[in-house]
Every structure is written in structure tokens, then in C-alpha cells.
Protein backbone atom coordinates (compact mmCIF):
# COMPACT_ATOMS: atom_id res chain seq x y z
CA MET A 1 -19.59 4.23 -14.71
CA PHE A 2 -20.20 5.56 -11.22
CA ASN A 3 -17.49 3.38 -9.66
CA PHE A 4 -15.01 4.46 -12.34
CA ALA A 5 -15.69 8.18 -11.88
CA TRP A 6 -15.73 7.87 -8.11
CA GLY A 7 -12.53 5.83 -8.27
CA ILE A 8 -10.72 8.60 -10.16
CA LEU A 9 -11.84 11.13 -7.55
CA TYR A 10 -10.77 8.79 -4.76
CA MET A 11 -7.35 8.32 -6.36
CA LEU A 12 -6.81 12.08 -6.62
CA VAL A 13 -7.86 12.61 -3.00
CA ASN A 14 -5.73 9.68 -1.81
CA PHE A 15 -2.54 10.83 -3.53
CA SER A 16 -3.21 14.45 -2.56
CA PHE A 17 -3.35 13.45 1.10
CA PHE A 18 -0.06 11.61 0.57
CA LEU A 19 1.50 14.82 -0.74
CA LEU A 20 0.00 16.89 2.05
CA CYS A 21 1.26 14.48 4.69
CA TYR A 22 4.82 14.83 3.39
CA LYS A 23 4.54 18.57 2.77
CA LEU A 24 3.37 19.30 6.31
CA PHE A 25 5.36 16.76 8.33
CA GLY A 26 8.34 15.73 6.23
CA LYS A 27 9.89 12.31 6.72
CA LYS A 28 7.85 11.73 9.87
CA GLY A 29 4.73 12.28 7.81
CA ILE A 30 5.78 9.52 5.41
CA TYR A 31 6.24 7.13 8.33
CA ALA A 32 2.79 8.09 9.63
CA TRP A 33 1.32 7.58 6.16
CA ILE A 34 2.83 4.10 5.91
CA GLY A 35 1.35 3.15 9.29
CA VAL A 36 -2.13 4.41 8.40
CA ALA A 37 -2.14 3.17 4.79
CA THR A 38 -1.06 -0.34 5.81
CA VAL A 39 -4.04 -0.68 8.15
CA VAL A 40 -6.63 1.10 5.97
CA ALA A 41 -5.69 -0.90 2.87
CA ASN A 42 -6.27 -4.15 4.75
CA ILE A 43 -9.70 -2.99 5.88
CA GLN A 44 -10.71 -1.75 2.44
CA VAL A 45 -9.69 -5.02 0.76
CA ILE A 46 -12.66 -6.76 2.39
CA LYS A 47 -15.00 -4.88 0.05
CA THR A 48 -15.35 -6.11 -3.52
CA ILE A 49 -16.75 -3.94 -6.30
CA GLU A 50 -17.54 -4.35 -9.98
CA MET A 51 -16.10 -2.07 -12.64
CA PHE A 52 -16.70 -2.62 -16.36
CA GLY A 53 -18.14 -6.03 -15.48
CA ILE A 54 -14.98 -7.12 -13.65
CA VAL A 55 -14.78 -8.04 -9.96
CA MET A 56 -12.04 -6.32 -7.96
CA THR A 57 -11.24 -5.47 -4.37
CA LEU A 58 -10.74 -2.05 -2.83
CA GLY A 59 -7.54 -1.03 -1.07
CA ASN A 60 -5.37 -0.95 -4.18
CA THR A 61 -5.00 2.82 -4.32
CA MET A 62 -3.98 3.02 -0.69
CA TYR A 63 -1.63 0.08 -1.10
CA VAL A 64 0.09 1.57 -4.15
CA SER A 65 0.74 4.70 -2.10
CA LEU A 66 2.92 2.51 0.16
CA TYR A 67 5.23 1.96 -2.80
CA LEU A 68 5.24 5.70 -3.46
CA ALA A 69 6.19 6.27 0.16
CA SER A 70 9.07 3.77 0.19
CA ASP A 71 10.32 4.97 -3.21
CA LEU A 72 10.25 8.58 -1.99
CA LEU A 73 12.30 7.65 1.08
CA ASN A 74 14.68 5.65 -1.10
CA GLU A 75 15.05 8.56 -3.50
CA LYS A 76 15.66 11.26 -0.90
CA PHE A 77 17.13 9.44 2.10
CA GLY A 78 18.53 6.20 0.76
CA ARG A 79 17.86 2.48 0.88
CA LYS A 80 18.46 2.16 4.63
CA GLU A 81 15.67 4.62 5.45
CA ALA A 82 13.29 2.91 3.03
CA LYS A 83 13.91 -0.49 4.66
CA LYS A 84 13.31 1.02 8.10
CA ALA A 85 9.96 2.34 6.91
CA VAL A 86 8.98 -1.09 5.58
CA TRP A 87 9.68 -2.61 8.99
CA PHE A 88 7.53 0.12 10.56
CA GLY A 89 4.58 -0.77 8.32
CA PHE A 90 5.11 -4.46 9.09
CA PHE A 91 4.98 -3.77 12.83
CA THR A 92 1.89 -1.58 12.45
CA LEU A 93 -0.09 -4.33 10.75
CA ILE A 94 0.94 -6.98 13.29
CA MET A 95 0.04 -4.68 16.18
CA THR A 96 -3.36 -3.79 14.72
CA THR A 97 -4.23 -7.42 14.02
CA ILE A 98 -3.40 -8.59 17.54
CA LEU A 99 -5.18 -5.70 19.26
CA MET A 100 -8.36 -6.05 17.17
CA GLN A 101 -8.51 -9.81 17.69
CA MET A 102 -8.25 -9.22 21.45
CA THR A 103 -10.98 -6.58 21.17
CA LEU A 104 -13.40 -9.09 19.63
CA VAL A 105 -12.95 -11.47 22.59
CA PHE A 106 -14.39 -9.02 25.15
CA GLU A 107 -17.93 -9.92 26.23
CA ARG A 108 -20.21 -7.26 24.83
CA GLN A 109 -22.79 -5.34 26.81
CA PRO A 110 -26.41 -6.32 25.84
CA SER A 111 -27.17 -3.00 24.14
CA ASP A 112 -23.85 -2.92 22.26
CA MET A 113 -24.22 -2.22 18.56
CA GLY A 114 -20.59 -2.51 17.46
CA GLN A 115 -19.64 -6.16 17.97
CA ALA A 116 -21.35 -7.55 14.87
CA SER A 117 -19.84 -4.87 12.63
CA LEU A 118 -16.40 -5.35 14.13
CA GLU A 119 -16.66 -9.11 13.62
CA THR A 120 -17.65 -8.57 10.00
CA ILE A 121 -14.69 -6.28 9.37
CA PHE A 122 -12.01 -7.79 11.56
CA GLY A 123 -13.20 -11.39 11.77
CA LEU A 124 -11.47 -12.12 8.47
CA MET A 125 -8.42 -10.10 9.42
CA PRO A 126 -6.20 -12.97 10.64
CA ARG A 127 -6.23 -14.62 7.20
CA LEU A 128 -6.14 -11.30 5.40
CA ALA A 129 -3.35 -10.14 7.68
CA LEU A 130 -1.36 -13.32 7.07
CA GLY A 131 -1.69 -12.80 3.33
CA SER A 132 -0.94 -9.12 3.61
CA LEU A 133 1.99 -9.56 5.98
CA SER A 134 3.56 -12.19 3.74
CA ALA A 135 2.93 -10.17 0.59
CA TYR A 136 3.98 -6.90 2.21
CA PHE A 137 7.19 -8.36 3.64
CA VAL A 138 8.33 -9.93 0.36
CA SER A 139 7.18 -7.26 -2.09
CA GLN A 140 8.21 -4.16 -0.15
CA PHE A 141 11.75 -5.36 0.49
CA LEU A 142 11.90 -6.49 -3.14
CA ASP A 143 10.77 -3.02 -4.18
CA VAL A 144 13.49 -1.36 -2.08
CA ARG A 145 16.16 -3.60 -3.61
CA LEU A 146 14.87 -3.19 -7.16
CA TYR A 147 14.66 0.58 -6.79
CA ALA A 148 18.28 0.77 -5.60
CA TRP A 149 19.39 -1.54 -8.44
CA ILE A 150 17.50 0.37 -11.14
CA ARG A 151 18.85 3.62 -9.72
CA LYS A 152 22.37 2.45 -10.56
CA LEU A 153 21.30 1.91 -14.18
CA TYR A 154 19.15 5.04 -14.45
CA PRO A 155 20.49 7.56 -11.92
CA ALA A 156 19.45 10.80 -13.63
CA ARG A 157 16.98 13.04 -11.85
CA ASN A 158 14.56 12.97 -14.79
CA GLN A 159 14.61 9.14 -14.77
CA LEU A 160 12.68 8.89 -11.53
CA TRP A 161 9.70 7.49 -13.46
CA ILE A 162 11.82 4.54 -14.61
CA ARG A 163 12.99 3.77 -11.07
CA ASN A 164 9.51 4.13 -9.60
CA ASN A 165 7.51 2.27 -12.23
CA GLY A 166 10.14 -0.39 -12.89
CA SER A 167 10.49 -1.42 -9.24
CA THR A 168 6.83 -1.09 -8.31
CA MET A 169 5.35 -2.91 -11.29
CA VAL A 170 7.47 -5.97 -10.61
CA SER A 171 7.09 -6.00 -6.84
CA SER A 172 3.34 -5.28 -6.98
CA PHE A 173 2.80 -8.39 -9.12
CA VAL A 174 4.65 -10.49 -6.53
CA ASP A 175 2.56 -8.83 -3.82
CA THR A 176 -0.73 -9.50 -5.61
CA LEU A 177 0.09 -13.15 -6.31
CA ILE A 178 1.09 -13.88 -2.70
CA PHE A 179 -1.83 -12.01 -1.16
CA CYS A 180 -4.55 -13.43 -3.40
CA THR A 181 -3.25 -16.97 -2.92
CA ILE A 182 -3.22 -16.78 0.89
CA ALA A 183 -6.24 -14.55 1.46
CA PHE A 184 -8.72 -15.66 -1.20
CA ALA A 185 -7.82 -19.16 -2.41
CA GLY A 186 -10.81 -21.35 -1.56
CA GLU A 187 -12.98 -18.38 -0.62
CA TYR A 188 -14.00 -17.70 -4.22
CA SER A 189 -14.38 -19.84 -7.32
CA LEU A 190 -11.29 -20.17 -9.52
CA GLN A 191 -12.83 -17.82 -12.06
CA VAL A 192 -13.52 -15.09 -9.51
CA TRP A 193 -10.13 -15.63 -7.87
CA THR A 194 -8.39 -15.27 -11.23
CA GLU A 195 -10.39 -12.13 -11.99
CA ILE A 196 -9.40 -10.65 -8.64
CA LEU A 197 -5.73 -11.53 -9.22
CA LEU A 198 -5.51 -10.11 -12.73
CA THR A 199 -7.68 -7.06 -12.21
CA THR A 200 -5.98 -6.22 -8.93
CA TYR A 201 -2.57 -6.26 -10.59
CA LEU A 202 -3.82 -4.37 -13.65
CA PHE A 203 -5.38 -1.78 -11.36
CA LYS A 204 -2.11 -1.45 -9.40
CA PHE A 205 -0.22 -1.14 -12.70
CA VAL A 206 -2.40 1.79 -13.77
CA LEU A 207 -2.33 3.39 -10.32
CA THR A 208 1.47 3.19 -10.20
CA ALA A 209 1.69 5.12 -13.47
CA ALA A 210 -0.94 7.60 -12.27
CA GLY A 211 0.92 8.13 -8.99
CA THR A 212 4.24 8.97 -10.66
CA PRO A 213 3.49 12.72 -11.13
CA PHE A 214 2.66 12.93 -7.43
CA LEU A 215 6.03 11.37 -6.62
CA TYR A 216 7.77 14.01 -8.75
CA ILE A 217 5.91 16.74 -6.87
CA ALA A 218 6.77 15.21 -3.49
CA ARG A 219 10.46 14.98 -4.38
CA ASN A 220 10.56 18.74 -4.93
CA PHE A 221 9.31 19.52 -1.43
CA ARG A 222 12.09 20.78 0.83
CA HIS A 223 12.55 20.20 4.57
CA GLU A 224 15.43 20.82 6.95
CA GLU A 225 16.09 17.09 7.20
CA ASP A 226 16.91 17.00 3.49
CA GLU A 227 20.20 18.74 4.20
CA THR A 228 21.50 15.72 6.14
CA ALA A 229 20.18 13.11 3.72
CA VAL A 230 22.77 11.07 1.88
CA ALA A 231 21.50 9.80 -1.45
CA GLY A 232 21.90 6.09 -1.89
CA SER A 233 22.79 5.43 1.78
């Protein structure tokens, strides 16, 4: 039960920071959030936990917030801005992966205490990054397209939950399938791999629904840049 209770607290803190980032810094804050969340999610995913007897990886809450970020940009600034943000997150992950792999190659000083820990965390990053980059690229652009398409069917202001949940729940399944196949296939038994796949998606499904109220709150924040935003651009 500890992981469940701590997970709820973590989710609230995570989404609250997302709101605060947008409240304080506007659209630039969302771009910054996407850059940070992309990297942090790929570090957290290395850790596996057990909840209710089911094996799952961390990083899901942070990763779902990426969909919140792109959907918020899509909602307030249009599809073009959302796609630009996805490219920014893509670049951030590539940059981090290359720089950290180069960092590991440096010859360490005899009394160094960081190399082993860095190797543990970032040694798996090339494969994880490949899985994440592939999943991120496909699912995020899919999410942007789906959101714009659903918005045409459900354009009302109070139908934001349909646009957000509809696009994210489809694209997050695609993301989970691609990532788990590239990153974990062969690393775990088929049973554990299947558990990770299904529980990761189920967890993202729940988190997407839980994050919707935060998206409504964020949409109501006002910044000067909102005046020049063109909905649906």
C-alpha cells in the first residue's frame, strides 16, 4: 500500500509542478517542462516497482504530463505550436543521450565515486533512448493529429476532456507498445514483459483521466501571449 499512497502524492506533486510551470512562465514554461519531463521520464523508467502484486516501471506520471503539455499547446495555440514542442522534446532526448554517453567515456579519477552510478543509470540509455525516441516520435505526433481531428468533432469548450482523453489514450497505447518492444524485449521473461506492457498502459490510462482536471485549470490561466494565439492554427 505504501507505493500506492506514495504514487498518489507523487502524481499530485508532479501535475502541480506542471501547472506552476505554466502559471509562472507561460508557453515558455511548457517548452521547458517538455524538455525536463522527456529526460526525467527516461531516467525514472529504469526503476521497476511492484504495486498490488504487479510489476511496473516508473516514469509514467512524468510521461503522461508530456501529453498534457502538447494538448495544452494544441488547445490554446494550435496544432503547429504543439508539433514544434514535440520536436523540441525529441531534440532534448537526443542531446541528453549523446552527451551522457560521451561523459561515460572519460577516464575517471581513482577516487571518483560517480562513474559506477552513472553507468548504472545511463549505461542502458542507448537502448532505452532508442525505444523512447521511436515511441515518442510516433505517439506524440499521433496525439497532435488525433487531438486536432477530435477537436473538429467535439469543439465545445466543455468537451476538452473528450479531446484530451480520446487522443491520449490511443496514442499512449501506441507509445507503450513501441517502447516496451524495443526497450525490454529479451531483457525480461515474456510474462514480466507482458505485465509491464499492460500495467504501464493501464497506469497511463488512469493517469490521463486524473490529469484532465489539471488541464482544465491550466487552460484558464491567462498570459499576454494568449492574445496573439490563433485557435486551431
